[in-house]
């Protein structure tokens, strides 16, 4: 019965620990919002910046597994190369030590304060930002409450002869300790949770540091299972990134196996034995191991890349008819996913603008060979509309800040307007096909009038896309003058064309095509204005 109670207590404590960690991580991610996106967007081939990025992101979202899964998603989308991925993964291992350092603090007596302040902040905050701060404080309290529950539940183990025998076996067998840690983390899917269990167990006096350190090494290997699983069904390059994560942790462990005793002696010297100090010793061992491992391995990134290229040879085929920036793996961190969705929408908008320009070039020059390209681009625009909309639906069900929720909601409308612009580009090329097939000519005046209106709609498109991409309200507001000019031109050109018809300068068929052209131009201007209005009303 005691064993059953212990299992139930450990299960409940672990659940609270993981929930508190997620709540705190989500709150930190949502409050840091734009800063978090900018950190990831500035990743370069400089490995030091990559390591710093991985450490910062993981410290915020409180999960090295989530960071690594995101990296696999970025690599799969072709937005990050293996050298960049390796550096970020190494940094993630450093970032995850923050959790261990936090739980090593002795905060037993003030846990109720965190729970109370966090709960009251969530209840009485009017704005979503205040509630996110409440989530951070409450999550912190729940995390420590879970730690205390695990510690209290496992305290009888210190007097258990069977457990003492198990510890003796582990104490003399480093490889068995590493395997234990790897299996434990592979099952829980969180190295931070595994470390939390170790700290809770050690604080009862049942686990000596000599046994805890090899298990810590194993925790780092076990956490790789998450990235490996997430790489199933991805590109070769994404699989290589997951393998780099595994090899980095395995090689680091192999390097440190002969150095276990010096590591133990060092952490004991900087935090001497005493009541509760075993928690800090485990946290420090975890931090020193991961930082040292990263410092040692960073110069060998290119060799890690060479190794995984040998194991998984070949490059991925370039897939143009697909999304580029969005990946379901990025939904693990909604703030990053929102930024990537914005990039995909901008990509779709630029493709629609390019299609309008190509359609007009075909019309002016009777360029039949490029008509097929416009139709192919339209297929991609339709595919992007479907994929982005589906992604936004998934994104809407995640934990988003108030501002991010507005951005996601606005993107639904923007995507619809872009898709309609693509349809109008297709209409323009349909008119061009008819013009070429029937060998029709437009008068010089008609062509000049169309070209003049066309330049305005391209300008309107550029303004709307740039204002959306940069969330520039002033630029968005400037489109209203252009929209008024487009509407005026549409009326002027209709009257001008009627005069040409009356004077016998243009025939009926050409006349109908001219009116269809300016009608499509005017609708493109309307949809461009709709996009700008979304920016203004965010």
Protein backbone atom coordinates (compact mmCIF):
# COMPACT_ATOMS: atom_id res chain seq x y z
CA UNK A 1 0.00 0.00 0.00
CA UNK A 2 2.88 2.35 0.84
CA UNK A 3 4.34 1.70 -2.62
CA UNK A 4 1.01 2.53 -4.27
CA UNK A 5 0.73 5.75 -2.24
CA UNK A 6 4.27 6.65 -3.20
CA UNK A 7 3.60 6.09 -6.90
CA UNK A 8 0.40 8.15 -6.74
CA UNK A 9 2.16 10.94 -4.83
CA UNK A 10 5.11 10.96 -7.23
CA UNK A 11 2.74 11.00 -10.22
CA UNK A 12 0.79 13.92 -8.75
CA UNK A 13 3.92 15.84 -7.78
CA UNK A 14 5.42 15.34 -11.23
CA UNK A 15 2.18 16.51 -12.84
CA UNK A 16 2.19 19.69 -10.75
CA UNK A 17 5.88 20.26 -11.52
CA UNK A 18 5.36 19.92 -15.28
CA UNK A 19 2.19 22.01 -15.25
CA UNK A 20 3.86 24.76 -13.22
CA UNK A 21 6.86 24.74 -15.56
CA UNK A 22 4.61 25.01 -18.63
CA UNK A 23 2.49 27.75 -17.07
CA UNK A 24 5.58 29.74 -16.14
CA UNK A 25 7.16 29.15 -19.57
CA UNK A 26 4.01 30.16 -21.48
CA UNK A 27 3.68 33.29 -19.36
CA UNK A 28 7.31 34.26 -19.94
CA UNK A 29 7.03 33.58 -23.68
CA UNK A 30 3.86 35.66 -24.04
CA UNK A 31 5.16 38.61 -22.03
CA UNK A 32 8.48 38.63 -23.89
CA UNK A 33 6.59 38.33 -27.21
CA UNK A 34 8.36 40.45 -29.81
CA UNK A 35 11.76 40.16 -28.10
CA UNK A 36 11.58 36.38 -28.35
CA UNK A 37 10.76 36.56 -32.07
CA UNK A 38 13.61 39.01 -32.70
CA UNK A 39 16.09 36.74 -30.90
CA UNK A 40 15.26 33.85 -33.21
CA UNK A 41 15.19 36.03 -36.33
CA UNK A 42 18.77 37.23 -35.68
CA UNK A 43 20.31 33.79 -35.77
CA UNK A 44 23.44 33.90 -37.90
CA UNK A 45 26.20 31.47 -38.81
CA UNK A 46 28.16 32.80 -35.82
CA UNK A 47 28.12 29.84 -33.38
CA UNK A 48 28.43 32.05 -30.28
CA UNK A 49 25.25 33.93 -31.25
CA UNK A 50 23.56 30.61 -31.98
CA UNK A 51 24.47 29.24 -28.55
CA UNK A 52 23.28 32.46 -26.88
CA UNK A 53 20.00 32.24 -28.82
CA UNK A 54 19.39 28.64 -27.79
CA UNK A 55 20.16 29.42 -24.15
CA UNK A 56 17.93 32.52 -24.07
CA UNK A 57 14.96 30.85 -25.77
CA UNK A 58 15.15 27.78 -23.52
CA UNK A 59 15.51 29.87 -20.37
CA UNK A 60 12.28 31.65 -21.34
CA UNK A 61 10.14 28.73 -22.51
CA UNK A 62 11.59 26.40 -19.84
CA UNK A 63 12.07 23.43 -22.18
CA UNK A 64 15.14 22.40 -24.15
CA UNK A 65 12.98 19.77 -25.87
CA UNK A 66 10.61 22.46 -27.18
CA UNK A 67 13.55 24.54 -28.42
CA UNK A 68 15.08 21.54 -30.20
CA UNK A 69 11.74 20.60 -31.77
CA UNK A 70 11.46 24.19 -33.02
CA UNK A 71 14.96 23.95 -34.48
CA UNK A 72 13.96 20.74 -36.31
CA UNK A 73 10.94 22.65 -37.66
CA UNK A 74 13.10 25.56 -38.86
CA UNK A 75 15.60 23.22 -40.50
CA UNK A 76 12.76 21.27 -42.14
CA UNK A 77 11.43 24.54 -43.56
CA UNK A 78 14.88 25.41 -44.90
CA UNK A 79 15.12 28.50 -42.67
CA UNK A 80 18.14 27.31 -40.71
CA UNK A 81 21.18 25.33 -41.81
CA UNK A 82 22.82 22.54 -39.83
CA UNK A 83 25.63 24.75 -38.52
CA UNK A 84 23.13 27.21 -37.08
CA UNK A 85 20.96 24.39 -35.73
CA UNK A 86 23.89 22.74 -33.95
CA UNK A 87 24.81 25.96 -32.15
CA UNK A 88 21.21 26.63 -31.05
CA UNK A 89 20.84 23.04 -29.79
CA UNK A 90 24.02 23.39 -27.74
CA UNK A 91 22.69 26.63 -26.27
CA UNK A 92 19.40 24.91 -25.40
CA UNK A 93 21.31 22.53 -23.13
CA UNK A 94 22.68 25.53 -21.23
CA UNK A 95 19.26 27.19 -21.03
CA UNK A 96 17.66 24.13 -19.48
CA UNK A 97 20.01 24.38 -16.47
CA UNK A 98 18.10 27.50 -15.37
CA UNK A 99 15.21 25.29 -14.19
CA UNK A 100 17.56 23.15 -12.09
CA UNK A 101 19.06 26.28 -10.50
CA UNK A 102 15.59 27.63 -9.70
CA UNK A 103 14.36 24.45 -8.00
CA UNK A 104 17.54 24.26 -5.91
CA UNK A 105 16.43 27.31 -3.91
CA UNK A 106 14.94 26.58 -0.50
CA UNK A 107 11.55 28.25 -0.82
CA UNK A 108 9.36 25.78 1.10
CA UNK A 109 8.00 28.40 3.50
CA UNK A 110 7.02 30.98 0.89
CA UNK A 111 5.37 28.69 -1.70
CA UNK A 112 1.89 29.80 -0.46
CA UNK A 113 2.88 33.41 -1.19
CA UNK A 114 3.62 32.59 -4.84
CA UNK A 115 0.35 30.66 -5.12
CA UNK A 116 -1.65 33.46 -3.48
CA UNK A 117 -0.06 36.39 -5.35
CA UNK A 118 -0.21 34.54 -8.67
CA UNK A 119 -3.87 33.56 -8.24
CA UNK A 120 -4.97 37.04 -7.14
CA UNK A 121 -3.06 38.65 -10.00
CA UNK A 122 -4.85 36.41 -12.52
CA UNK A 123 -8.28 36.98 -10.94
CA UNK A 124 -8.08 40.75 -10.56
CA UNK A 125 -6.02 41.73 -13.62
CA UNK A 126 -8.09 43.44 -16.30
CA UNK A 127 -5.50 43.15 -19.06
CA UNK A 128 -4.10 39.95 -20.53
CA UNK A 129 -0.51 41.06 -19.79
CA UNK A 130 -1.31 41.25 -16.07
CA UNK A 131 -2.78 37.76 -16.23
CA UNK A 132 0.39 36.49 -17.96
CA UNK A 133 2.48 37.89 -15.10
CA UNK A 134 0.11 36.12 -12.73
CA UNK A 135 0.67 32.89 -14.68
CA UNK A 136 4.43 33.26 -14.25
CA UNK A 137 4.13 33.74 -10.47
CA UNK A 138 1.49 31.02 -10.04
CA UNK A 139 3.44 28.63 -12.29
CA UNK A 140 6.52 29.21 -10.17
CA UNK A 141 4.54 28.37 -7.03
CA UNK A 142 2.94 25.25 -8.56
CA UNK A 143 6.37 24.07 -9.76
CA UNK A 144 7.74 24.25 -6.19
CA UNK A 145 4.55 22.72 -4.77
CA UNK A 146 5.10 19.74 -7.08
CA UNK A 147 8.73 19.53 -5.91
CA UNK A 148 7.65 19.46 -2.27
CA UNK A 149 5.01 16.80 -2.96
CA UNK A 150 7.60 14.61 -4.71
CA UNK A 151 10.07 15.12 -1.85
CA UNK A 152 7.49 14.28 0.84
CA UNK A 153 6.28 11.25 -1.13
CA UNK A 154 9.79 9.85 -1.61
CA UNK A 155 11.10 10.54 1.89
CA UNK A 156 10.37 6.94 3.09
CA UNK A 157 12.87 5.70 0.50
CA UNK A 158 15.70 7.00 2.68
CA UNK A 159 14.88 4.24 5.20
CA UNK A 160 14.10 1.53 2.62
CA UNK A 161 16.67 -1.35 2.60
CA UNK A 162 15.63 -2.32 -0.96
CA UNK A 163 16.22 1.21 -2.23
CA UNK A 164 19.55 1.37 -0.40
CA UNK A 165 20.62 -1.82 -2.21
CA UNK A 166 19.62 -0.29 -5.57
CA UNK A 167 21.61 2.86 -4.81
CA UNK A 168 24.68 0.75 -3.95
CA UNK A 169 24.44 -0.94 -7.36
CA UNK A 170 24.13 2.40 -9.12
CA UNK A 171 26.95 3.96 -7.11
CA UNK A 172 29.45 1.50 -8.45
CA UNK A 173 28.17 1.48 -12.03
CA UNK A 174 28.41 4.73 -13.99
CA UNK A 175 26.99 3.25 -17.22
CA UNK A 176 23.95 1.88 -15.39
CA UNK A 177 23.35 5.33 -13.86
CA UNK A 178 23.55 6.96 -17.30
CA UNK A 179 21.14 4.40 -18.74
CA UNK A 180 18.74 4.98 -15.84
CA UNK A 181 18.75 8.74 -16.48
CA UNK A 182 18.30 8.27 -20.24
CA UNK A 183 15.33 5.92 -19.83
CA UNK A 184 13.73 8.11 -17.16
CA UNK A 185 13.89 11.22 -19.36
CA UNK A 186 12.85 9.34 -22.51
CA UNK A 187 9.66 8.27 -20.70
CA UNK A 188 8.89 11.65 -19.08
CA UNK A 189 9.98 13.62 -22.19
CA UNK A 190 11.52 16.36 -20.04
CA UNK A 191 15.08 16.57 -18.72
CA UNK A 192 13.97 19.37 -16.37
CA UNK A 193 11.36 17.06 -14.82
CA UNK A 194 13.92 14.25 -14.47
CA UNK A 195 16.31 16.65 -12.78
CA UNK A 196 13.47 17.79 -10.53
CA UNK A 197 12.86 14.19 -9.42
CA UNK A 198 16.59 13.80 -8.72
CA UNK A 199 16.67 16.99 -6.65
CA UNK A 200 13.54 15.95 -4.72
CA UNK A 201 14.96 12.49 -4.06
CA UNK A 202 18.38 13.81 -3.06
CA UNK A 203 16.85 16.31 -0.64
CA UNK A 204 15.34 13.39 1.34
CA UNK A 205 18.85 12.05 1.94
CA UNK A 206 18.16 8.93 -0.15
CA UNK A 207 20.37 9.81 -3.13
CA UNK A 208 24.09 10.63 -2.88
CA UNK A 209 25.73 13.02 -5.35
CA UNK A 210 27.90 10.21 -6.78
CA UNK A 211 24.76 8.45 -8.04
CA UNK A 212 22.94 11.62 -9.11
CA UNK A 213 25.67 12.89 -11.47
CA UNK A 214 25.70 9.89 -13.89
CA UNK A 215 21.88 10.01 -13.94
CA UNK A 216 22.15 13.71 -14.89
CA UNK A 217 24.38 12.73 -17.82
CA UNK A 218 21.76 10.19 -18.89
CA UNK A 219 19.01 12.82 -18.63
CA UNK A 220 20.75 14.82 -21.36
CA UNK A 221 20.80 11.80 -23.67
CA UNK A 222 17.20 10.84 -22.92
CA UNK A 223 15.87 14.28 -23.81
CA UNK A 224 17.02 13.70 -27.43
CA UNK A 225 14.14 11.25 -27.96
CA UNK A 226 11.70 14.19 -28.30
CA UNK A 227 13.63 15.73 -31.21
CA UNK A 228 14.19 12.33 -32.83
CA UNK A 229 10.45 11.59 -32.71
CA UNK A 230 9.61 15.05 -34.07
CA UNK A 231 11.95 14.48 -37.03
CA UNK A 232 9.90 11.52 -38.29
CA UNK A 233 8.42 12.43 -41.65
CA UNK A 234 10.63 15.49 -42.07
CA UNK A 235 13.35 16.32 -44.59
CA UNK A 236 16.78 14.71 -44.50
CA UNK A 237 18.27 17.92 -43.14
CA UNK A 238 15.79 18.02 -40.25
CA UNK A 239 16.65 14.41 -39.37
CA UNK A 240 20.32 15.41 -39.40
CA UNK A 241 19.58 18.21 -36.91
CA UNK A 242 17.93 15.73 -34.53
CA UNK A 243 20.95 13.42 -34.87
CA UNK A 244 23.32 16.30 -34.06
CA UNK A 245 21.40 16.78 -30.81
CA UNK A 246 21.86 13.11 -29.94
CA UNK A 247 25.56 12.95 -30.82
CA UNK A 248 26.32 16.19 -29.01
CA UNK A 249 24.92 14.79 -25.76
CA UNK A 250 26.47 11.34 -26.21
CA UNK A 251 29.95 12.74 -26.96
CA UNK A 252 29.66 15.17 -24.04
CA UNK A 253 28.79 12.33 -21.70
CA UNK A 254 31.69 10.20 -22.97
CA UNK A 255 34.08 13.11 -22.37
CA UNK A 256 32.84 13.57 -18.80
CA UNK A 257 32.69 9.92 -17.68
CA UNK A 258 36.39 9.93 -16.64
CA UNK A 259 35.85 13.34 -15.01
CA UNK A 260 32.94 12.41 -12.73
CA UNK A 261 34.98 12.39 -9.51
CA UNK A 262 36.73 15.73 -10.20
CA UNK A 263 33.30 17.22 -11.09
CA UNK A 264 31.81 15.95 -7.81
CA UNK A 265 34.75 17.29 -5.81
CA UNK A 266 34.47 20.68 -7.51
CA UNK A 267 30.72 21.14 -6.90
CA UNK A 268 31.15 20.03 -3.30
CA UNK A 269 33.89 22.62 -2.85
CA UNK A 270 31.73 25.48 -4.14
CA UNK A 271 28.63 24.29 -2.20
CA UNK A 272 29.81 22.33 0.85
CA UNK A 273 27.72 19.52 2.34
CA UNK A 274 24.99 20.71 4.62
CA UNK A 275 21.25 20.81 5.02
CA UNK A 276 19.70 21.23 1.63
CA UNK A 277 23.01 21.81 -0.15
CA UNK A 278 22.74 18.53 -2.11
CA UNK A 279 20.06 20.29 -4.19
CA UNK A 280 22.44 23.08 -5.10
CA UNK A 281 25.25 20.59 -5.77
CA UNK A 282 23.09 18.70 -8.28
CA UNK A 283 22.02 21.96 -9.94
CA UNK A 284 25.64 23.15 -10.14
CA UNK A 285 26.83 19.80 -11.53
CA UNK A 286 24.12 20.04 -14.18
CA UNK A 287 25.12 23.62 -15.11
CA UNK A 288 28.88 22.97 -15.15
CA UNK A 289 28.47 19.82 -17.25
CA UNK A 290 26.32 21.52 -19.90
CA UNK A 291 28.35 24.73 -20.13
CA UNK A 292 31.66 22.83 -20.27
CA UNK A 293 30.28 20.40 -22.82
CA UNK A 294 29.17 23.29 -25.05
CA UNK A 295 32.53 25.09 -24.77
CA UNK A 296 34.33 21.86 -25.72
CA UNK A 297 32.00 20.94 -28.61
CA UNK A 298 31.42 24.33 -30.31
CA UNK A 299 34.75 24.21 -32.23
CA UNK A 300 33.75 20.76 -33.52
CA UNK A 301 30.37 21.74 -34.99
CA UNK A 302 31.61 21.25 -38.56
CA UNK A 303 32.73 17.71 -37.70
CA UNK A 304 29.32 16.91 -36.18
CA UNK A 305 27.76 18.12 -39.43
CA UNK A 306 30.18 15.96 -41.45
CA UNK A 307 29.30 12.95 -39.29
CA UNK A 308 25.53 13.25 -39.75
CA UNK A 309 26.02 13.88 -43.48
CA UNK A 310 27.89 10.54 -43.65
CA UNK A 311 25.12 8.74 -41.77
CA UNK A 312 22.31 10.37 -43.80
CA UNK A 313 23.87 11.14 -47.18
CA UNK A 314 22.34 13.37 -49.83
CA UNK A 315 20.48 16.65 -49.96
CA UNK A 316 16.76 17.35 -50.00
CA UNK A 317 14.96 18.16 -53.21
CA UNK A 318 13.84 21.77 -53.34
CA UNK A 319 10.07 21.87 -53.04
CA UNK A 320 8.69 25.13 -54.40
CA UNK A 321 4.99 24.20 -54.32
CA UNK A 322 4.73 24.21 -50.56
CA UNK A 323 4.78 26.39 -47.46
CA UNK A 324 8.17 27.74 -46.49
CA UNK A 325 7.97 29.33 -43.05
CA UNK A 326 5.26 27.50 -41.12
CA UNK A 327 5.62 24.10 -39.48
CA UNK A 328 3.40 22.39 -36.90
CA UNK A 329 6.46 21.84 -34.67
CA UNK A 330 6.65 25.59 -34.14
CA UNK A 331 3.20 25.53 -32.48
CA UNK A 332 5.06 24.35 -29.36
CA UNK A 333 6.04 28.02 -28.95
CA UNK A 334 3.11 30.12 -30.20
CA UNK A 335 4.95 33.45 -30.18
CA UNK A 336 7.48 32.07 -32.69
CA UNK A 337 4.69 30.43 -34.71
CA UNK A 338 2.88 33.80 -35.02
CA UNK A 339 6.03 35.40 -36.44
CA UNK A 340 6.51 32.58 -38.92
CA UNK A 341 2.86 32.72 -39.99
CA UNK A 342 3.28 36.45 -40.67
CA UNK A 343 6.29 35.69 -42.89
CA UNK A 344 4.29 33.08 -44.82
CA UNK A 345 1.43 35.55 -45.37
CA UNK A 346 3.92 38.18 -46.62
CA UNK A 347 5.43 35.56 -48.95
CA UNK A 348 1.95 34.79 -50.32
CA UNK A 349 1.25 38.52 -50.76
CA UNK A 350 4.49 39.10 -52.66
CA UNK A 351 3.69 36.14 -54.90
CA UNK A 352 0.25 37.61 -55.66
CA UNK A 353 1.82 41.00 -56.44
CA UNK A 354 4.39 39.35 -58.72
CA UNK A 355 1.56 37.52 -60.51
CA UNK A 356 -0.27 40.81 -61.14
CA UNK A 357 2.93 42.29 -62.56
CA UNK A 358 3.63 39.24 -64.74
CA UNK A 359 0.01 39.20 -66.00
CA UNK A 360 0.31 42.85 -67.06
CA UNK A 361 3.67 42.20 -68.73
CA UNK A 362 2.01 39.37 -70.72
CA UNK A 363 -0.82 41.73 -71.70
CA UNK A 364 1.43 44.57 -72.88
CA UNK A 365 3.92 42.38 -74.78
CA UNK A 366 1.57 39.57 -75.91
CA UNK A 367 3.94 37.26 -74.03
CA UNK A 368 2.20 33.91 -74.38
CA UNK A 369 5.10 31.91 -72.91
CA UNK A 370 4.70 33.53 -69.44
CA UNK A 371 0.95 32.90 -69.21
CA UNK A 372 1.58 29.35 -67.95
CA UNK A 373 3.78 30.74 -65.17
CA UNK A 374 0.92 32.92 -63.94
CA UNK A 375 -1.38 29.89 -63.76
CA UNK A 376 1.29 27.86 -61.88
CA UNK A 377 1.79 30.71 -59.42
CA UNK A 378 -1.97 30.88 -58.88
CA UNK A 379 -1.95 27.18 -57.90
CA UNK A 380 0.70 27.94 -55.26
CA UNK A 381 -1.27 30.96 -54.01
CA UNK A 382 -4.36 28.75 -53.56
CA UNK A 383 -2.30 26.09 -51.79
CA UNK A 384 -0.80 28.70 -49.46
CA UNK A 385 -4.26 30.09 -48.72
CA UNK A 386 -5.43 26.64 -47.61
CA UNK A 387 -2.27 25.77 -45.64
CA UNK A 388 -1.98 29.14 -43.89
CA UNK A 389 -5.66 29.17 -42.93
CA UNK A 390 -5.38 25.64 -41.49
CA UNK A 391 -2.26 26.68 -39.57
CA UNK A 392 -3.97 29.79 -38.18
CA UNK A 393 -6.86 27.63 -36.93
CA UNK A 394 -4.36 25.47 -35.02
CA UNK A 395 -2.53 28.55 -33.79
CA UNK A 396 -5.78 30.08 -32.51
CA UNK A 397 -6.23 27.16 -30.10
CA UNK A 398 -2.83 27.70 -28.44
CA UNK A 399 -1.97 30.00 -25.53
CA UNK A 400 -1.62 33.46 -27.09
CA UNK A 401 -1.26 36.93 -25.63
CA UNK A 402 -3.95 39.53 -26.39
CA UNK A 403 -1.79 41.20 -29.05
CA UNK A 404 -0.89 37.88 -30.70
CA UNK A 405 -4.57 36.88 -30.77
CA UNK A 406 -5.35 40.11 -32.67
CA UNK A 407 -2.54 39.42 -35.14
CA UNK A 408 -3.75 35.87 -35.81
CA UNK A 409 -7.36 37.02 -36.23
CA UNK A 410 -6.30 39.75 -38.66
CA UNK A 411 -4.31 37.27 -40.74
CA UNK A 412 -7.45 35.29 -41.63
CA UNK A 413 -8.82 38.37 -43.42
CA UNK A 414 -5.49 39.28 -45.02
CA UNK A 415 -5.04 35.78 -46.47
CA UNK A 416 -8.52 35.94 -47.99
CA UNK A 417 -7.78 39.33 -49.62
CA UNK A 418 -4.46 38.08 -51.00
CA UNK A 419 -6.16 35.03 -52.50
CA UNK A 420 -8.69 37.31 -54.23
CA UNK A 421 -5.83 39.45 -55.62
CA UNK A 422 -4.38 36.24 -57.06
CA UNK A 423 -7.74 35.48 -58.66
CA UNK A 424 -7.80 38.92 -60.30
CA UNK A 425 -4.28 38.36 -61.66
CA UNK A 426 -5.60 35.14 -63.19
CA UNK A 427 -8.52 37.11 -64.69
CA UNK A 428 -6.02 39.53 -66.27
CA UNK A 429 -4.14 36.69 -67.91
CA UNK A 430 -7.40 35.15 -69.14
CA UNK A 431 -8.12 38.45 -70.91
CA UNK A 432 -4.56 38.40 -72.30
CA UNK A 433 -5.05 34.87 -73.70
CA UNK A 434 -8.22 36.00 -75.49
CA UNK A 435 -6.42 39.10 -76.81
CA UNK A 436 -3.59 36.99 -78.25
CA UNK A 437 -5.84 34.25 -79.68
CA UNK A 438 -8.12 36.77 -81.44
CA UNK A 439 -5.15 38.91 -82.51
CA UNK A 440 -6.76 42.05 -81.08
CA UNK A 441 -5.09 45.43 -80.76
CA UNK A 442 -5.81 48.17 -78.24
CA UNK A 443 -5.44 51.82 -79.22
CA UNK A 444 -2.40 53.73 -78.02
CA UNK A 445 -4.58 55.86 -75.72
CA UNK A 446 -6.23 52.77 -74.19
CA UNK A 447 -2.85 51.14 -73.48
CA UNK A 448 -1.53 54.32 -71.86
CA UNK A 449 -4.63 54.62 -69.69
CA UNK A 450 -4.35 50.98 -68.56
CA UNK A 451 -0.64 51.39 -67.81
CA UNK A 452 -1.32 54.52 -65.74
CA UNK A 453 -3.97 52.79 -63.59
CA UNK A 454 -1.85 49.65 -63.32
CA UNK A 455 1.03 51.62 -61.76
CA UNK A 456 -1.30 52.89 -59.05
CA UNK A 457 -2.51 49.40 -58.11
CA UNK A 458 1.05 48.05 -57.92
CA UNK A 459 1.94 50.98 -55.65
CA UNK A 460 -1.13 50.22 -53.50
CA UNK A 461 -0.06 46.57 -53.27
CA UNK A 462 3.45 47.52 -52.21
CA UNK A 463 2.15 49.85 -49.50
CA UNK A 464 -0.30 47.26 -48.14
CA UNK A 465 2.31 44.47 -48.02
CA UNK A 466 5.01 46.63 -46.41
CA UNK A 467 2.58 48.05 -43.83
CA UNK A 468 1.43 44.53 -42.91
CA UNK A 469 4.95 43.11 -42.73
CA UNK A 470 6.23 45.94 -40.51
CA UNK A 471 2.94 46.70 -38.74
CA UNK A 472 3.36 50.29 -39.99
CA UNK A 473 0.09 52.17 -39.35
CA UNK A 474 1.30 55.42 -40.94
CA UNK A 475 2.19 53.65 -44.18
CA UNK A 476 -1.14 51.79 -44.10
CA UNK A 477 -3.04 55.07 -43.73
CA UNK A 478 -1.22 56.51 -46.77
CA UNK A 479 -2.98 53.99 -49.04
CA UNK A 480 -6.29 55.84 -48.70
CA UNK A 481 -5.11 58.58 -51.07
CA UNK A 482 -4.04 55.94 -53.61
CA UNK A 483 -7.36 54.09 -53.26
CA UNK A 484 -9.31 57.29 -53.95
CA UNK A 485 -7.19 57.91 -57.05
CA UNK A 486 -7.78 54.35 -58.31
CA UNK A 487 -11.56 54.75 -57.86
CA UNK A 488 -11.49 58.08 -59.69
CA UNK A 489 -9.41 56.64 -62.50
CA UNK A 490 -11.81 53.74 -62.94
CA UNK A 491 -14.68 56.19 -63.53
CA UNK A 492 -12.58 58.46 -65.77
CA UNK A 493 -11.36 55.56 -67.92
CA UNK A 494 -14.90 54.23 -68.38
CA UNK A 495 -16.06 57.61 -69.69
CA UNK A 496 -12.97 57.97 -71.88
CA UNK A 497 -13.52 54.52 -73.33
CA UNK A 498 -17.19 55.21 -74.09
CA UNK A 499 -16.05 58.25 -76.08
CA UNK A 500 -13.64 56.04 -78.09
CA UNK A 501 -16.43 53.58 -78.80
CA UNK A 502 -18.74 56.37 -79.96
CA UNK A 503 -16.01 57.70 -82.24
CA UNK A 504 -15.40 54.24 -83.71
CA UNK A 505 -11.77 54.11 -82.48
CA UNK A 506 -12.33 50.84 -80.55
CA UNK A 507 -14.45 47.80 -81.40
CA UNK A 508 -17.03 46.14 -79.11
CA UNK A 509 -14.84 43.12 -78.19
CA UNK A 510 -11.84 45.24 -77.30
CA UNK A 511 -14.18 47.59 -75.43
CA UNK A 512 -15.48 44.77 -73.22
CA UNK A 513 -11.93 43.58 -72.50
CA UNK A 514 -10.83 47.11 -71.59
CA UNK A 515 -13.70 47.44 -69.10
CA UNK A 516 -12.86 44.03 -67.62
CA UNK A 517 -9.22 45.11 -67.18
CA UNK A 518 -10.02 48.30 -65.28
CA UNK A 519 -12.66 46.46 -63.21
CA UNK A 520 -10.04 43.91 -62.11
CA UNK A 521 -7.58 46.73 -61.40
CA UNK A 522 -10.14 48.48 -59.20
CA UNK A 523 -10.87 45.27 -57.26
CA UNK A 524 -7.14 44.69 -56.68
CA UNK A 525 -6.98 48.23 -55.27
CA UNK A 526 -9.93 47.44 -52.96
CA UNK A 527 -8.28 44.29 -51.59
CA UNK A 528 -5.00 46.17 -51.08
CA UNK A 529 -6.91 48.75 -49.06
CA UNK A 530 -8.58 45.98 -47.03
CA UNK A 531 -5.12 44.68 -46.03
CA UNK A 532 -4.01 48.18 -45.00
CA UNK A 533 -7.21 48.65 -42.96
CA UNK A 534 -6.44 45.42 -41.08
CA UNK A 535 -3.10 46.97 -40.05
CA UNK A 536 -4.84 50.20 -38.94
CA UNK A 537 -7.46 48.33 -36.90
CA UNK A 538 -5.12 45.85 -35.16
